[in-house]
Amino acid sequence: VSIGLATFPHDAREMTELLDKADWALYRSKKNGRNMVCSFGAQE
């Protein structure tokens, strides 16, 4: 299972922006290997 996380309101203030950032984190976790959890804020 790969999981991408983004938090409200830290990472985004609008629902669409929050989902976009969570989606970005999900693809990052998939790129790094299976069974990973990545948070959008962890990239910084």
PDB file of N, CA and C in Angstrom:
ATOM      1  N   VAL A   1       0.848  -1.176   0.000  1.00  0.00           N
ATOM      2  CA  VAL A   1       0.000   0.000   0.000  1.00  0.00           C
ATOM      3  C   VAL A   1       0.890   1.235   0.000  1.00  0.00           C
ATOM      4  N   SER A   2       0.607   2.149  -0.891  1.00  0.00           N
ATOM      5  CA  SER A   2       1.306   3.435  -0.939  1.00  0.00           C
ATOM      6  C   SER A   2       0.331   4.522  -0.519  1.00  0.00           C
ATOM      7  N   ILE A   3       0.797   5.451   0.298  1.00  0.00           N
ATOM      8  CA  ILE A   3      -0.071   6.497   0.839  1.00  0.00           C
ATOM      9  C   ILE A   3       0.594   7.855   0.656  1.00  0.00           C
ATOM     10  N   GLY A   4      -0.205   8.831   0.229  1.00  0.00           N
ATOM     11  CA  GLY A   4       0.251  10.212   0.128  1.00  0.00           C
ATOM     12  C   GLY A   4      -0.569  11.087   1.055  1.00  0.00           C
ATOM     13  N   LEU A   5       0.100  11.941   1.819  1.00  0.00           N
ATOM     14  CA  LEU A   5      -0.578  12.787   2.801  1.00  0.00           C
ATOM     15  C   LEU A   5      -0.342  14.268   2.531  1.00  0.00           C
ATOM     16  N   ALA A   6      -1.374  15.043   2.805  1.00  0.00           N
ATOM     17  CA  ALA A   6      -1.278  16.504   2.840  1.00  0.00           C
ATOM     18  C   ALA A   6      -2.201  16.944   3.967  1.00  0.00           C
ATOM     19  N   THR A   7      -1.810  17.973   4.698  1.00  0.00           N
ATOM     20  CA  THR A   7      -2.602  18.386   5.858  1.00  0.00           C
ATOM     21  C   THR A   7      -3.252  19.750   5.646  1.00  0.00           C
ATOM     22  N   PHE A   8      -4.414  19.899   6.234  1.00  0.00           N
ATOM     23  CA  PHE A   8      -5.169  21.151   6.196  1.00  0.00           C
ATOM     24  C   PHE A   8      -5.053  21.804   7.554  1.00  0.00           C
ATOM     25  N   PRO A   9      -4.778  23.060   7.651  1.00  0.00           N
ATOM     26  CA  PRO A   9      -4.522  24.057   6.619  1.00  0.00           C
ATOM     27  C   PRO A   9      -3.039  24.274   6.333  1.00  0.00           C
ATOM     28  N   HIS A  10      -2.169  23.444   6.896  1.00  0.00           N
ATOM     29  CA  HIS A  10      -0.727  23.660   6.740  1.00  0.00           C
ATOM     30  C   HIS A  10      -0.276  23.606   5.275  1.00  0.00           C
ATOM     31  N   ASP A  11      -0.702  22.587   4.542  1.00  0.00           N
ATOM     32  CA  ASP A  11      -0.241  22.414   3.160  1.00  0.00           C
ATOM     33  C   ASP A  11      -1.119  23.121   2.133  1.00  0.00           C
ATOM     34  N   ALA A  12      -2.384  23.338   2.463  1.00  0.00           N
ATOM     35  CA  ALA A  12      -3.310  23.966   1.512  1.00  0.00           C
ATOM     36  C   ALA A  12      -4.521  24.509   2.250  1.00  0.00           C
ATOM     37  N   ARG A  13      -5.150  25.505   1.656  1.00  0.00           N
ATOM     38  CA  ARG A  13      -6.351  26.093   2.252  1.00  0.00           C
ATOM     39  C   ARG A  13      -7.619  25.747   1.471  1.00  0.00           C
ATOM     40  N   GLU A  14      -7.467  25.253   0.257  1.00  0.00           N
ATOM     41  CA  GLU A  14      -8.601  24.873  -0.588  1.00  0.00           C
ATOM     42  C   GLU A  14      -8.592  23.363  -0.806  1.00  0.00           C
ATOM     43  N   MET A  15      -9.782  22.775  -0.924  1.00  0.00           N
ATOM     44  CA  MET A  15      -9.898  21.326  -1.079  1.00  0.00           C
ATOM     45  C   MET A  15      -9.167  20.816  -2.317  1.00  0.00           C
ATOM     46  N   THR A  16      -9.312  21.492  -3.448  1.00  0.00           N
ATOM     47  CA  THR A  16      -8.662  21.017  -4.668  1.00  0.00           C
ATOM     48  C   THR A  16      -7.140  21.066  -4.546  1.00  0.00           C
ATOM     49  N   GLU A  17      -6.632  22.101  -3.923  1.00  0.00           N
ATOM     50  CA  GLU A  17      -5.188  22.213  -3.716  1.00  0.00           C
ATOM     51  C   GLU A  17      -4.700  21.121  -2.766  1.00  0.00           C
ATOM     52  N   LEU A  18      -5.472  20.841  -1.733  1.00  0.00           N
ATOM     53  CA  LEU A  18      -5.120  19.794  -0.776  1.00  0.00           C
ATOM     54  C   LEU A  18      -5.066  18.433  -1.467  1.00  0.00           C
ATOM     55  N   LEU A  19      -6.062  18.140  -2.300  1.00  0.00           N
ATOM     56  CA  LEU A  19      -6.080  16.869  -3.031  1.00  0.00           C
ATOM     57  C   LEU A  19      -4.925  16.775  -4.015  1.00  0.00           C
ATOM     58  N   ASP A  20      -4.593  17.863  -4.693  1.00  0.00           N
ATOM     59  CA  ASP A  20      -3.458  17.864  -5.624  1.00  0.00           C
ATOM     60  C   ASP A  20      -2.152  17.553  -4.902  1.00  0.00           C
ATOM     61  N   LYS A  21      -1.976  18.131  -3.737  1.00  0.00           N
ATOM     62  CA  LYS A  21      -0.738  17.903  -2.984  1.00  0.00           C
ATOM     63  C   LYS A  21      -0.685  16.495  -2.401  1.00  0.00           C
ATOM     64  N   ALA A  22      -1.824  15.971  -1.970  1.00  0.00           N
ATOM     65  CA  ALA A  22      -1.874  14.586  -1.489  1.00  0.00           C
ATOM     66  C   ALA A  22      -1.591  13.625  -2.641  1.00  0.00           C
ATOM     67  N   ASP A  23      -2.108  13.934  -3.821  1.00  0.00           N
ATOM     68  CA  ASP A  23      -1.857  13.114  -5.006  1.00  0.00           C
ATOM     69  C   ASP A  23      -0.378  13.138  -5.368  1.00  0.00           C
ATOM     70  N   TRP A  24       0.237  14.319  -5.290  1.00  0.00           N
ATOM     71  CA  TRP A  24       1.674  14.439  -5.558  1.00  0.00           C
ATOM     72  C   TRP A  24       2.468  13.558  -4.588  1.00  0.00           C
ATOM     73  N   ALA A  25       2.090  13.606  -3.309  1.00  0.00           N
ATOM     74  CA  ALA A  25       2.777  12.796  -2.299  1.00  0.00           C
ATOM     75  C   ALA A  25       2.566  11.309  -2.558  1.00  0.00           C
ATOM     76  N   LEU A  26       1.381  10.931  -3.037  1.00  0.00           N
ATOM     77  CA  LEU A  26       1.112   9.527  -3.359  1.00  0.00           C
ATOM     78  C   LEU A  26       2.040   9.051  -4.469  1.00  0.00           C
ATOM     79  N   TYR A  27       2.161   9.816  -5.534  1.00  0.00           N
ATOM     80  CA  TYR A  27       3.046   9.413  -6.625  1.00  0.00           C
ATOM     81  C   TYR A  27       4.507   9.406  -6.193  1.00  0.00           C
ATOM     82  N   ARG A  28       4.864  10.278  -5.295  1.00  0.00           N
ATOM     83  CA  ARG A  28       6.227  10.263  -4.742  1.00  0.00           C
ATOM     84  C   ARG A  28       6.469   8.971  -3.957  1.00  0.00           C
ATOM     85  N   SER A  29       5.485   8.546  -3.178  1.00  0.00           N
ATOM     86  CA  SER A  29       5.644   7.310  -2.409  1.00  0.00           C
ATOM     87  C   SER A  29       5.730   6.111  -3.344  1.00  0.00           C
ATOM     88  N   LYS A  30       4.962   6.117  -4.435  1.00  0.00           N
ATOM     89  CA  LYS A  30       5.035   5.020  -5.406  1.00  0.00           C
ATOM     90  C   LYS A  30       6.396   5.003  -6.096  1.00  0.00           C
ATOM     91  N   LYS A  31       6.933   6.165  -6.400  1.00  0.00           N
ATOM     92  CA  LYS A  31       8.242   6.262  -7.055  1.00  0.00           C
ATOM     93  C   LYS A  31       9.348   5.731  -6.144  1.00  0.00           C
ATOM     94  N   ASN A  32       9.213   5.959  -4.840  1.00  0.00           N
ATOM     95  CA  ASN A  32      10.230   5.534  -3.880  1.00  0.00           C
ATOM     96  C   ASN A  32      10.150   4.057  -3.527  1.00  0.00           C
ATOM     97  N   GLY A  33       9.129   3.375  -3.987  1.00  0.00           N
ATOM     98  CA  GLY A  33       8.983   1.952  -3.707  1.00  0.00           C
ATOM     99  C   GLY A  33       7.627   1.658  -3.109  1.00  0.00           C
ATOM    100  N   ARG A  34       7.273   0.409  -3.126  1.00  0.00           N
ATOM    101  CA  ARG A  34       5.970   0.016  -2.594  1.00  0.00           C
ATOM    102  C   ARG A  34       5.964   0.064  -1.072  1.00  0.00           C
ATOM    103  N   ASN A  35       4.737   0.086  -0.529  1.00  0.00           N
ATOM    104  CA  ASN A  35       4.538   0.094   0.927  1.00  0.00           C
ATOM    105  C   ASN A  35       5.220   1.284   1.600  1.00  0.00           C
ATOM    106  N   MET A  36       5.046   2.450   0.985  1.00  0.00           N
ATOM    107  CA  MET A  36       5.637   3.678   1.520  1.00  0.00           C
ATOM    108  C   MET A  36       4.538   4.669   1.874  1.00  0.00           C
ATOM    109  N   VAL A  37       4.846   5.558   2.814  1.00  0.00           N
ATOM    110  CA  VAL A  37       3.977   6.680   3.156  1.00  0.00           C
ATOM    111  C   VAL A  37       4.805   7.945   2.985  1.00  0.00           C
ATOM    112  N   CYS A  38       4.306   8.895   2.189  1.00  0.00           N
ATOM    113  CA  CYS A  38       4.990  10.172   1.994  1.00  0.00           C
ATOM    114  C   CYS A  38       4.035  11.307   2.320  1.00  0.00           C
ATOM    115  N   SER A  39       4.568  12.326   2.948  1.00  0.00           N
ATOM    116  CA  SER A  39       3.802  13.518   3.277  1.00  0.00           C
ATOM    117  C   SER A  39       4.274  14.661   2.393  1.00  0.00           C
ATOM    118  N   PHE A  40       3.348  15.476   1.919  1.00  0.00           N
ATOM    119  CA  PHE A  40       3.720  16.602   1.059  1.00  0.00           C
ATOM    120  C   PHE A  40       4.710  17.519   1.764  1.00  0.00           C
ATOM    121  N   GLY A  41       4.489  17.840   3.013  1.00  0.00           N
ATOM    122  CA  GLY A  41       5.354  18.739   3.756  1.00  0.00           C
ATOM    123  C   GLY A  41       6.749  18.193   4.004  1.00  0.00           C
ATOM    124  N   ALA A  42       6.928  16.881   3.908  1.00  0.00           N
ATOM    125  CA  ALA A  42       8.227  16.260   4.171  1.00  0.00           C
ATOM    126  C   ALA A  42       9.245  16.560   3.081  1.00  0.00           C
ATOM    127  N   GLN A  43       8.797  17.052   1.932  1.00  0.00           N
ATOM    128  CA  GLN A  43       9.714  17.338   0.826  1.00  0.00           C
ATOM    129  C   GLN A  43      10.569  18.560   1.089  1.00  0.00           C
ATOM    130  N   GLU A  44      10.092  19.456   1.927  1.00  0.00           N
ATOM    131  CA  GLU A  44      10.757  20.737   2.146  1.00  0.00           C
ATOM    132  C   GLU A  44      11.983  20.616   3.009  1.00  0.00           C
TER     133      GLU A  44
END
